[in-house]
Amino acid sequence: VAAIIAMGKGLELELIAEGVETAEQLNFLKKHGLRVIQGY
C-alpha cells in the first residue's frame, strides 16, 4: 500500500483509499501521506 501511494504521488495523481473501516487503517494511510479516504 505504501508503494502504491508513493507511485501515485510520483505520477501526480489524486489518491483515495476506499473501504477504510478502522482507526488503525486511517492512521497508517495518514502516516504515509494519503489525504482522502472513503469508508464505513
PDB file of all heavy atoms in Angstrom:
ATOM      1  N   VAL A   1       0.836  -1.197   0.000  1.00  0.00           N
ATOM      2  CA  VAL A   1       0.000   0.000   0.000  1.00  0.00           C
ATOM      3  C   VAL A   1       0.876   1.254   0.000  1.00  0.00           C
ATOM      4  O   VAL A   1       0.595   2.223  -0.717  1.00  0.00           O
ATOM      5  CB  VAL A   1      -0.952   0.002   1.208  1.00  0.00           C
ATOM      6  CG1 VAL A   1      -1.705   1.330   1.308  1.00  0.00           C
ATOM      7  CG2 VAL A   1      -1.942  -1.149   1.101  1.00  0.00           C
ATOM      8  N   ALA A   2       1.936   1.232   0.791  1.00  0.00           N
ATOM      9  CA  ALA A   2       2.859   2.377   0.822  1.00  0.00           C
ATOM     10  C   ALA A   2       3.470   2.614  -0.551  1.00  0.00           C
ATOM     11  O   ALA A   2       3.642   3.767  -0.981  1.00  0.00           O
ATOM     12  CB  ALA A   2       3.951   2.137   1.864  1.00  0.00           C
ATOM     13  N   ALA A   3       3.779   1.527  -1.277  1.00  0.00           N
ATOM     14  CA  ALA A   3       4.360   1.658  -2.619  1.00  0.00           C
ATOM     15  C   ALA A   3       3.349   2.243  -3.598  1.00  0.00           C
ATOM     16  O   ALA A   3       3.710   3.063  -4.457  1.00  0.00           O
ATOM     17  CB  ALA A   3       4.843   0.293  -3.103  1.00  0.00           C
ATOM     18  N   ILE A   4       2.092   1.830  -3.495  1.00  0.00           N
ATOM     19  CA  ILE A   4       1.045   2.369  -4.370  1.00  0.00           C
ATOM     20  C   ILE A   4       0.879   3.867  -4.123  1.00  0.00           C
ATOM     21  O   ILE A   4       0.747   4.658  -5.065  1.00  0.00           O
ATOM     22  CB  ILE A   4      -0.294   1.634  -4.148  1.00  0.00           C
ATOM     23  CG1 ILE A   4      -0.180   0.183  -4.630  1.00  0.00           C
ATOM     24  CG2 ILE A   4      -1.429   2.333  -4.881  1.00  0.00           C
ATOM     25  CD1 ILE A   4      -1.398  -0.661  -4.330  1.00  0.00           C
ATOM     26  N   ILE A   5       0.903   4.263  -2.852  1.00  0.00           N
ATOM     27  CA  ILE A   5       0.775   5.684  -2.513  1.00  0.00           C
ATOM     28  C   ILE A   5       1.946   6.472  -3.097  1.00  0.00           C
ATOM     29  O   ILE A   5       1.763   7.540  -3.704  1.00  0.00           O
ATOM     30  CB  ILE A   5       0.710   5.873  -0.985  1.00  0.00           C
ATOM     31  CG1 ILE A   5      -0.582   5.261  -0.425  1.00  0.00           C
ATOM     32  CG2 ILE A   5       0.788   7.359  -0.615  1.00  0.00           C
ATOM     33  CD1 ILE A   5      -0.653   5.249   1.087  1.00  0.00           C
ATOM     34  N   ALA A   6       3.139   5.939  -2.937  1.00  0.00           N
ATOM     35  CA  ALA A   6       4.333   6.623  -3.466  1.00  0.00           C
ATOM     36  C   ALA A   6       4.271   6.728  -4.983  1.00  0.00           C
ATOM     37  O   ALA A   6       4.623   7.761  -5.564  1.00  0.00           O
ATOM     38  CB  ALA A   6       5.583   5.875  -3.023  1.00  0.00           C
ATOM     39  N   MET A   7       3.816   5.653  -5.645  1.00  0.00           N
ATOM     40  CA  MET A   7       3.719   5.667  -7.105  1.00  0.00           C
ATOM     41  C   MET A   7       2.695   6.700  -7.561  1.00  0.00           C
ATOM     42  O   MET A   7       2.942   7.459  -8.511  1.00  0.00           O
ATOM     43  CB  MET A   7       3.319   4.289  -7.628  1.00  0.00           C
ATOM     44  CG  MET A   7       3.278   4.208  -9.142  1.00  0.00           C
ATOM     45  SD  MET A   7       2.389   2.766  -9.725  1.00  0.00           S
ATOM     46  CE  MET A   7       0.729   3.201  -9.226  1.00  0.00           C
ATOM     47  N   GLY A   8       1.538   6.741  -6.895  1.00  0.00           N
ATOM     48  CA  GLY A   8       0.509   7.715  -7.261  1.00  0.00           C
ATOM     49  C   GLY A   8       1.003   9.137  -7.121  1.00  0.00           C
ATOM     50  O   GLY A   8       0.740   9.988  -7.978  1.00  0.00           O
ATOM     51  N   LYS A   9       1.749   9.375  -6.052  1.00  0.00           N
ATOM     52  CA  LYS A   9       2.306  10.716  -5.856  1.00  0.00           C
ATOM     53  C   LYS A   9       3.321  11.039  -6.945  1.00  0.00           C
ATOM     54  O   LYS A   9       3.379  12.171  -7.441  1.00  0.00           O
ATOM     55  CB  LYS A   9       2.964  10.815  -4.475  1.00  0.00           C
ATOM     56  CG  LYS A   9       1.975  10.862  -3.320  1.00  0.00           C
ATOM     57  CD  LYS A   9       2.713  11.042  -2.005  1.00  0.00           C
ATOM     58  CE  LYS A   9       1.761  11.215  -0.849  1.00  0.00           C
ATOM     59  NZ  LYS A   9       2.472  11.402   0.434  1.00  0.00           N
ATOM     60  N   GLY A  10       4.116  10.034  -7.307  1.00  0.00           N
ATOM     61  CA  GLY A  10       5.106  10.238  -8.353  1.00  0.00           C
ATOM     62  C   GLY A  10       4.480  10.587  -9.683  1.00  0.00           C
ATOM     63  O   GLY A  10       5.054  11.344 -10.467  1.00  0.00           O
ATOM     64  N   LEU A  11       3.292  10.038  -9.949  1.00  0.00           N
ATOM     65  CA  LEU A  11       2.565  10.333 -11.183  1.00  0.00           C
ATOM     66  C   LEU A  11       1.683  11.569 -11.048  1.00  0.00           C
ATOM     67  O   LEU A  11       0.957  11.919 -11.980  1.00  0.00           O
ATOM     68  CB  LEU A  11       1.701   9.122 -11.578  1.00  0.00           C
ATOM     69  CG  LEU A  11       2.471   7.858 -11.985  1.00  0.00           C
ATOM     70  CD1 LEU A  11       1.502   6.686 -12.161  1.00  0.00           C
ATOM     71  CD2 LEU A  11       3.250   8.096 -13.267  1.00  0.00           C
ATOM     72  N   GLU A  12       1.742  12.210  -9.872  1.00  0.00           N
ATOM     73  CA  GLU A  12       0.982  13.430  -9.578  1.00  0.00           C
ATOM     74  C   GLU A  12      -0.529  13.197  -9.734  1.00  0.00           C
ATOM     75  O   GLU A  12      -1.246  13.993 -10.333  1.00  0.00           O
ATOM     76  CB  GLU A  12       1.439  14.593 -10.473  1.00  0.00           C
ATOM     77  CG  GLU A  12       2.900  14.963 -10.254  1.00  0.00           C
ATOM     78  CD  GLU A  12       3.317  16.162 -11.086  1.00  0.00           C
ATOM     79  OE1 GLU A  12       2.549  16.560 -11.995  1.00  0.00           O
ATOM     80  OE2 GLU A  12       4.400  16.708 -10.835  1.00  0.00           O
ATOM     81  N   LEU A  13      -0.988  12.074  -9.173  1.00  0.00           N
ATOM     82  CA  LEU A  13      -2.405  11.725  -9.218  1.00  0.00           C
ATOM     83  C   LEU A  13      -3.020  11.863  -7.834  1.00  0.00           C
ATOM     84  O   LEU A  13      -2.357  11.632  -6.818  1.00  0.00           O
ATOM     85  CB  LEU A  13      -2.578  10.280  -9.701  1.00  0.00           C
ATOM     86  CG  LEU A  13      -2.094   9.968 -11.118  1.00  0.00           C
ATOM     87  CD1 LEU A  13      -2.164   8.471 -11.376  1.00  0.00           C
ATOM     88  CD2 LEU A  13      -2.917  10.727 -12.152  1.00  0.00           C
ATOM     89  N   GLU A  14      -4.285  12.253  -7.804  1.00  0.00           N
ATOM     90  CA  GLU A  14      -5.010  12.297  -6.536  1.00  0.00           C
ATOM     91  C   GLU A  14      -5.282  10.862  -6.094  1.00  0.00           C
ATOM     92  O   GLU A  14      -5.654  10.016  -6.897  1.00  0.00           O
ATOM     93  CB  GLU A  14      -6.333  13.050  -6.697  1.00  0.00           C
ATOM     94  CG  GLU A  14      -6.167  14.505  -7.076  1.00  0.00           C
ATOM     95  CD  GLU A  14      -7.508  15.197  -7.273  1.00  0.00           C
ATOM     96  OE1 GLU A  14      -8.553  14.556  -6.970  1.00  0.00           O
ATOM     97  OE2 GLU A  14      -7.518  16.346  -7.723  1.00  0.00           O
ATOM     98  N   LEU A  15      -5.111  10.611  -4.813  1.00  0.00           N
ATOM     99  CA  LEU A  15      -5.272   9.259  -4.293  1.00  0.00           C
ATOM    100  C   LEU A  15      -6.437   9.191  -3.312  1.00  0.00           C
ATOM    101  O   LEU A  15      -6.608  10.076  -2.475  1.00  0.00           O
ATOM    102  CB  LEU A  15      -3.993   8.805  -3.591  1.00  0.00           C
ATOM    103  CG  LEU A  15      -2.800   8.503  -4.504  1.00  0.00           C
ATOM    104  CD1 LEU A  15      -1.507   8.545  -3.710  1.00  0.00           C
ATOM    105  CD2 LEU A  15      -2.966   7.147  -5.152  1.00  0.00           C
ATOM    106  N   ILE A  16      -7.221   8.127  -3.431  1.00  0.00           N
ATOM    107  CA  ILE A  16      -8.306   7.871  -2.496  1.00  0.00           C
ATOM    108  C   ILE A  16      -8.198   6.417  -2.051  1.00  0.00           C
ATOM    109  O   ILE A  16      -7.989   5.524  -2.881  1.00  0.00           O
ATOM    110  CB  ILE A  16      -9.688   8.103  -3.132  1.00  0.00           C
ATOM    111  CG1 ILE A  16      -9.853   9.563  -3.551  1.00  0.00           C
ATOM    112  CG2 ILE A  16     -10.813   7.714  -2.164  1.00  0.00           C
ATOM    113  CD1 ILE A  16     -11.178   9.854  -4.247  1.00  0.00           C
ATOM    114  N   ALA A  17      -8.323   6.186  -0.767  1.00  0.00           N
ATOM    115  CA  ALA A  17      -8.369   4.817  -0.245  1.00  0.00           C
ATOM    116  C   ALA A  17      -9.816   4.506   0.100  1.00  0.00           C
ATOM    117  O   ALA A  17     -10.443   5.222   0.881  1.00  0.00           O
ATOM    118  CB  ALA A  17      -7.489   4.685   0.997  1.00  0.00           C
ATOM    119  N   GLU A  18     -10.355   3.440  -0.507  1.00  0.00           N
ATOM    120  CA  GLU A  18     -11.739   3.070  -0.224  1.00  0.00           C
ATOM    121  C   GLU A  18     -11.779   1.887   0.732  1.00  0.00           C
ATOM    122  O   GLU A  18     -10.825   1.130   0.852  1.00  0.00           O
ATOM    123  CB  GLU A  18     -12.492   2.744  -1.506  1.00  0.00           C
ATOM    124  CG  GLU A  18     -11.991   1.524  -2.244  1.00  0.00           C
ATOM    125  CD  GLU A  18     -12.847   1.189  -3.458  1.00  0.00           C
ATOM    126  OE1 GLU A  18     -14.012   1.612  -3.505  1.00  0.00           O
ATOM    127  OE2 GLU A  18     -12.334   0.493  -4.352  1.00  0.00           O
ATOM    128  N   GLY A  19     -12.899   1.751   1.414  1.00  0.00           N
ATOM    129  CA  GLY A  19     -13.065   0.622   2.327  1.00  0.00           C
ATOM    130  C   GLY A  19     -12.376   0.811   3.662  1.00  0.00           C
ATOM    131  O   GLY A  19     -12.072  -0.170   4.353  1.00  0.00           O
ATOM    132  N   VAL A  20     -12.119   2.046   4.066  1.00  0.00           N
ATOM    133  CA  VAL A  20     -11.467   2.309   5.355  1.00  0.00           C
ATOM    134  C   VAL A  20     -12.491   2.110   6.476  1.00  0.00           C
ATOM    135  O   VAL A  20     -13.520   2.785   6.511  1.00  0.00           O
ATOM    136  CB  VAL A  20     -10.883   3.733   5.409  1.00  0.00           C
ATOM    137  CG1 VAL A  20     -10.231   3.989   6.763  1.00  0.00           C
ATOM    138  CG2 VAL A  20      -9.873   3.931   4.284  1.00  0.00           C
ATOM    139  N   GLU A  21     -12.192   1.186   7.378  1.00  0.00           N
ATOM    140  CA  GLU A  21     -13.168   0.838   8.407  1.00  0.00           C
ATOM    141  C   GLU A  21     -12.625   0.922   9.825  1.00  0.00           C
ATOM    142  O   GLU A  21     -13.398   0.827  10.787  1.00  0.00           O
ATOM    143  CB  GLU A  21     -13.700  -0.586   8.157  1.00  0.00           C
ATOM    144  CG  GLU A  21     -14.435  -0.733   6.827  1.00  0.00           C
ATOM    145  CD  GLU A  21     -15.000  -2.122   6.620  1.00  0.00           C
ATOM    146  OE1 GLU A  21     -14.758  -2.990   7.497  1.00  0.00           O
ATOM    147  OE2 GLU A  21     -15.676  -2.347   5.601  1.00  0.00           O
ATOM    148  N   THR A  22     -11.315   1.085   9.993  1.00  0.00           N
ATOM    149  CA  THR A  22     -10.741   1.134  11.341  1.00  0.00           C
ATOM    150  C   THR A  22      -9.832   2.344  11.508  1.00  0.00           C
ATOM    151  O   THR A  22      -9.297   2.886  10.536  1.00  0.00           O
ATOM    152  CB  THR A  22      -9.921  -0.137  11.637  1.00  0.00           C
ATOM    153  OG1 THR A  22      -8.726  -0.130  10.842  1.00  0.00           O
ATOM    154  CG2 THR A  22     -10.729  -1.401  11.352  1.00  0.00           C
ATOM    155  N   ALA A  23      -9.657   2.723  12.775  1.00  0.00           N
ATOM    156  CA  ALA A  23      -8.776   3.848  13.087  1.00  0.00           C
ATOM    157  C   ALA A  23      -7.334   3.525  12.705  1.00  0.00           C
ATOM    158  O   ALA A  23      -6.576   4.403  12.278  1.00  0.00           O
ATOM    159  CB  ALA A  23      -8.873   4.180  14.575  1.00  0.00           C
ATOM    160  N   GLU A  24      -6.943   2.263  12.873  1.00  0.00           N
ATOM    161  CA  GLU A  24      -5.581   1.860  12.537  1.00  0.00           C
ATOM    162  C   GLU A  24      -5.306   2.043  11.045  1.00  0.00           C
ATOM    163  O   GLU A  24      -4.217   2.475  10.653  1.00  0.00           O
ATOM    164  CB  GLU A  24      -5.349   0.403  12.950  1.00  0.00           C
ATOM    165  CG  GLU A  24      -5.283   0.162  14.464  1.00  0.00           C
ATOM    166  CD  GLU A  24      -6.655   0.218  15.123  1.00  0.00           C
ATOM    167  OE1 GLU A  24      -7.673   0.088  14.401  1.00  0.00           O
ATOM    168  OE2 GLU A  24      -6.708   0.402  16.357  1.00  0.00           O
ATOM    169  N   GLN A  25      -6.274   1.704  10.213  1.00  0.00           N
ATOM    170  CA  GLN A  25      -6.123   1.902   8.774  1.00  0.00           C
ATOM    171  C   GLN A  25      -5.984   3.381   8.455  1.00  0.00           C
ATOM    172  O   GLN A  25      -5.130   3.789   7.662  1.00  0.00           O
ATOM    173  CB  GLN A  25      -7.333   1.312   8.045  1.00  0.00           C
ATOM    174  CG  GLN A  25      -7.435  -0.202   8.124  1.00  0.00           C
ATOM    175  CD  GLN A  25      -8.777  -0.731   7.681  1.00  0.00           C
ATOM    176  OE1 GLN A  25      -9.692   0.040   7.367  1.00  0.00           O
ATOM    177  NE2 GLN A  25      -8.918  -2.048   7.646  1.00  0.00           N
ATOM    178  N   LEU A  26      -6.829   4.199   9.075  1.00  0.00           N
ATOM    179  CA  LEU A  26      -6.771   5.651   8.841  1.00  0.00           C
ATOM    180  C   LEU A  26      -5.396   6.197   9.215  1.00  0.00           C
ATOM    181  O   LEU A  26      -4.794   6.963   8.457  1.00  0.00           O
ATOM    182  CB  LEU A  26      -7.866   6.341   9.648  1.00  0.00           C
ATOM    183  CG  LEU A  26      -8.010   7.870   9.495  1.00  0.00           C
ATOM    184  CD1 LEU A  26      -9.455   8.305   9.739  1.00  0.00           C
ATOM    185  CD2 LEU A  26      -7.096   8.637  10.444  1.00  0.00           C
ATOM    186  N   ASN A  27      -4.890   5.804  10.375  1.00  0.00           N
ATOM    187  CA  ASN A  27      -3.617   6.342  10.842  1.00  0.00           C
ATOM    188  C   ASN A  27      -2.452   5.880   9.969  1.00  0.00           C
ATOM    189  O   ASN A  27      -1.506   6.632   9.732  1.00  0.00           O
ATOM    190  CB  ASN A  27      -3.377   5.922  12.296  1.00  0.00           C
ATOM    191  CG  ASN A  27      -4.308   6.655  13.253  1.00  0.00           C
ATOM    192  OD1 ASN A  27      -4.683   7.797  13.003  1.00  0.00           O
ATOM    193  ND2 ASN A  27      -4.691   5.999  14.336  1.00  0.00           N
ATOM    194  N   PHE A  28      -2.525   4.640   9.464  1.00  0.00           N
ATOM    195  CA  PHE A  28      -1.474   4.158   8.564  1.00  0.00           C
ATOM    196  C   PHE A  28      -1.450   4.985   7.287  1.00  0.00           C
ATOM    197  O   PHE A  28      -0.389   5.412   6.817  1.00  0.00           O
ATOM    198  CB  PHE A  28      -1.700   2.680   8.230  1.00  0.00           C
ATOM    199  CG  PHE A  28      -0.723   2.140   7.221  1.00  0.00           C
ATOM    200  CD1 PHE A  28       0.489   1.610   7.635  1.00  0.00           C
ATOM    201  CD2 PHE A  28      -1.007   2.178   5.853  1.00  0.00           C
ATOM    202  CE1 PHE A  28       1.405   1.128   6.700  1.00  0.00           C
ATOM    203  CE2 PHE A  28      -0.108   1.702   4.920  1.00  0.00           C
ATOM    204  CZ  PHE A  28       1.117   1.171   5.348  1.00  0.00           C
ATOM    205  N   LEU A  29      -2.614   5.205   6.713  1.00  0.00           N
ATOM    206  CA  LEU A  29      -2.707   5.970   5.467  1.00  0.00           C
ATOM    207  C   LEU A  29      -2.245   7.410   5.672  1.00  0.00           C
ATOM    208  O   LEU A  29      -1.540   7.980   4.837  1.00  0.00           O
ATOM    209  CB  LEU A  29      -4.148   5.935   4.948  1.00  0.00           C
ATOM    210  CG  LEU A  29      -4.653   4.542   4.547  1.00  0.00           C
ATOM    211  CD1 LEU A  29      -6.163   4.558   4.349  1.00  0.00           C
ATOM    212  CD2 LEU A  29      -3.958   4.060   3.270  1.00  0.00           C
ATOM    213  N   LYS A  30      -2.638   7.982   6.795  1.00  0.00           N
ATOM    214  CA  LYS A  30      -2.239   9.354   7.103  1.00  0.00           C
ATOM    215  C   LYS A  30      -0.719   9.445   7.271  1.00  0.00           C
ATOM    216  O   LYS A  30      -0.086  10.389   6.785  1.00  0.00           O
ATOM    217  CB  LYS A  30      -2.944   9.821   8.377  1.00  0.00           C
ATOM    218  CG  LYS A  30      -2.696  11.272   8.741  1.00  0.00           C
ATOM    219  CD  LYS A  30      -3.504  11.659   9.971  1.00  0.00           C
ATOM    220  CE  LYS A  30      -3.297  13.126  10.325  1.00  0.00           C
ATOM    221  NZ  LYS A  30      -4.093  13.506  11.531  1.00  0.00           N
ATOM    222  N   LYS A  31      -0.144   8.458   7.933  1.00  0.00           N
ATOM    223  CA  LYS A  31       1.302   8.427   8.156  1.00  0.00           C
ATOM    224  C   LYS A  31       2.066   8.406   6.841  1.00  0.00           C
ATOM    225  O   LYS A  31       3.151   8.985   6.717  1.00  0.00           O
ATOM    226  CB  LYS A  31       1.663   7.197   9.003  1.00  0.00           C
ATOM    227  CG  LYS A  31       3.156   6.998   9.214  1.00  0.00           C
ATOM    228  CD  LYS A  31       3.413   5.721   9.998  1.00  0.00           C
ATOM    229  CE  LYS A  31       4.901   5.464  10.137  1.00  0.00           C
ATOM    230  NZ  LYS A  31       5.179   4.190  10.871  1.00  0.00           N
ATOM    231  N   HIS A  32       1.493   7.741   5.827  1.00  0.00           N
ATOM    232  CA  HIS A  32       2.179   7.610   4.534  1.00  0.00           C
ATOM    233  C   HIS A  32       1.743   8.676   3.525  1.00  0.00           C
ATOM    234  O   HIS A  32       2.015   8.559   2.328  1.00  0.00           O
ATOM    235  CB  HIS A  32       1.956   6.213   3.963  1.00  0.00           C
ATOM    236  CG  HIS A  32       2.752   5.156   4.684  1.00  0.00           C
ATOM    237  ND1 HIS A  32       2.315   4.587   5.866  1.00  0.00           N
ATOM    238  CD2 HIS A  32       3.965   4.596   4.409  1.00  0.00           C
ATOM    239  CE1 HIS A  32       3.208   3.708   6.279  1.00  0.00           C
ATOM    240  NE2 HIS A  32       4.218   3.699   5.426  1.00  0.00           N
ATOM    241  N   GLY A  33       1.081   9.698   4.024  1.00  0.00           N
ATOM    242  CA  GLY A  33       0.824  10.869   3.195  1.00  0.00           C
ATOM    243  C   GLY A  33      -0.436  10.838   2.364  1.00  0.00           C
ATOM    244  O   GLY A  33      -0.647  11.719   1.522  1.00  0.00           O
ATOM    245  N   LEU A  34      -1.300   9.836   2.552  1.00  0.00           N
ATOM    246  CA  LEU A  34      -2.560   9.822   1.816  1.00  0.00           C
ATOM    247  C   LEU A  34      -3.575  10.702   2.539  1.00  0.00           C
ATOM    248  O   LEU A  34      -3.721  10.614   3.759  1.00  0.00           O
ATOM    249  CB  LEU A  34      -3.093   8.396   1.690  1.00  0.00           C
ATOM    250  CG  LEU A  34      -4.314   8.247   0.774  1.00  0.00           C
ATOM    251  CD1 LEU A  34      -4.200   6.989  -0.074  1.00  0.00           C
ATOM    252  CD2 LEU A  34      -5.602   8.191   1.590  1.00  0.00           C
ATOM    253  N   ARG A  35      -4.292  11.526   1.782  1.00  0.00           N
ATOM    254  CA  ARG A  35      -5.162  12.524   2.424  1.00  0.00           C
ATOM    255  C   ARG A  35      -6.648  12.204   2.366  1.00  0.00           C
ATOM    256  O   ARG A  35      -7.398  12.623   3.249  1.00  0.00           O
ATOM    257  CB  ARG A  35      -4.935  13.901   1.783  1.00  0.00           C
ATOM    258  CG  ARG A  35      -3.576  14.479   2.072  1.00  0.00           C
ATOM    259  CD  ARG A  35      -3.512  15.951   1.754  1.00  0.00           C
ATOM    260  NE  ARG A  35      -4.511  16.741   2.459  1.00  0.00           N
ATOM    261  CZ  ARG A  35      -4.422  18.048   2.659  1.00  0.00           C
ATOM    262  NH1 ARG A  35      -3.391  18.700   2.197  1.00  0.00           N
ATOM    263  NH2 ARG A  35      -5.370  18.696   3.290  1.00  0.00           N
ATOM    264  N   VAL A  36      -7.096  11.489   1.328  1.00  0.00           N
ATOM    265  CA  VAL A  36      -8.543  11.311   1.136  1.00  0.00           C
ATOM    266  C   VAL A  36      -8.932   9.845   1.315  1.00  0.00           C
ATOM    267  O   VAL A  36      -8.331   8.959   0.709  1.00  0.00           O
ATOM    268  CB  VAL A  36      -8.977  11.794  -0.263  1.00  0.00           C
ATOM    269  CG1 VAL A  36     -10.486  11.643  -0.435  1.00  0.00           C
ATOM    270  CG2 VAL A  36      -8.572  13.255  -0.460  1.00  0.00           C
ATOM    271  N   ILE A  37      -9.932   9.621   2.162  1.00  0.00           N
ATOM    272  CA  ILE A  37     -10.409   8.266   2.394  1.00  0.00           C
ATOM    273  C   ILE A  37     -11.919   8.201   2.200  1.00  0.00           C
ATOM    274  O   ILE A  37     -12.622   9.207   2.217  1.00  0.00           O
ATOM    275  CB  ILE A  37     -10.062   7.751   3.807  1.00  0.00           C
ATOM    276  CG1 ILE A  37     -10.871   8.514   4.876  1.00  0.00           C
ATOM    277  CG2 ILE A  37      -8.572   7.835   4.071  1.00  0.00           C
ATOM    278  CD1 ILE A  37     -10.794   7.891   6.251  1.00  0.00           C
ATOM    279  N   GLN A  38     -12.380   6.979   2.024  1.00  0.00           N
ATOM    280  CA  GLN A  38     -13.806   6.705   1.838  1.00  0.00           C
ATOM    281  C   GLN A  38     -14.092   5.374   2.505  1.00  0.00           C
ATOM    282  O   GLN A  38     -13.388   4.396   2.277  1.00  0.00           O
ATOM    283  CB  GLN A  38     -14.118   6.648   0.337  1.00  0.00           C
ATOM    284  CG  GLN A  38     -15.534   6.247  -0.021  1.00  0.00           C
ATOM    285  CD  GLN A  38     -15.714   6.129  -1.532  1.00  0.00           C
ATOM    286  OE1 GLN A  38     -14.966   6.728  -2.302  1.00  0.00           O
ATOM    287  NE2 GLN A  38     -16.688   5.344  -1.968  1.00  0.00           N
ATOM    288  N   GLY A  39     -15.085   5.324   3.371  1.00  0.00           N
ATOM    289  CA  GLY A  39     -15.368   4.047   4.021  1.00  0.00           C
ATOM    290  C   GLY A  39     -16.303   4.182   5.197  1.00  0.00           C
ATOM    291  O   GLY A  39     -16.651   5.289   5.637  1.00  0.00           O
ATOM    292  N   TYR A  40     -16.703   3.036   5.730  1.00  0.00           N
ATOM    293  CA  TYR A  40     -17.693   2.991   6.803  1.00  0.00           C
ATOM    294  C   TYR A  40     -17.180   3.574   8.108  1.00  0.00           C
ATOM    295  O   TYR A  40     -17.966   3.850   9.014  1.00  0.00           O
ATOM    296  CB  TYR A  40     -18.151   1.543   7.018  1.00  0.00           C
ATOM    297  CG  TYR A  40     -19.242   1.103   6.065  1.00  0.00           C
ATOM    298  CD1 TYR A  40     -19.010   1.092   4.685  1.00  0.00           C
ATOM    299  CD2 TYR A  40     -20.480   0.701   6.529  1.00  0.00           C
ATOM    300  CE1 TYR A  40     -19.997   0.696   3.808  1.00  0.00           C
ATOM    301  CE2 TYR A  40     -21.471   0.296   5.649  1.00  0.00           C
ATOM    302  CZ  TYR A  40     -21.230   0.292   4.293  1.00  0.00           C
ATOM    303  OH  TYR A  40     -22.224  -0.099   3.414  1.00  0.00           O
TER     304      TYR A  40
END
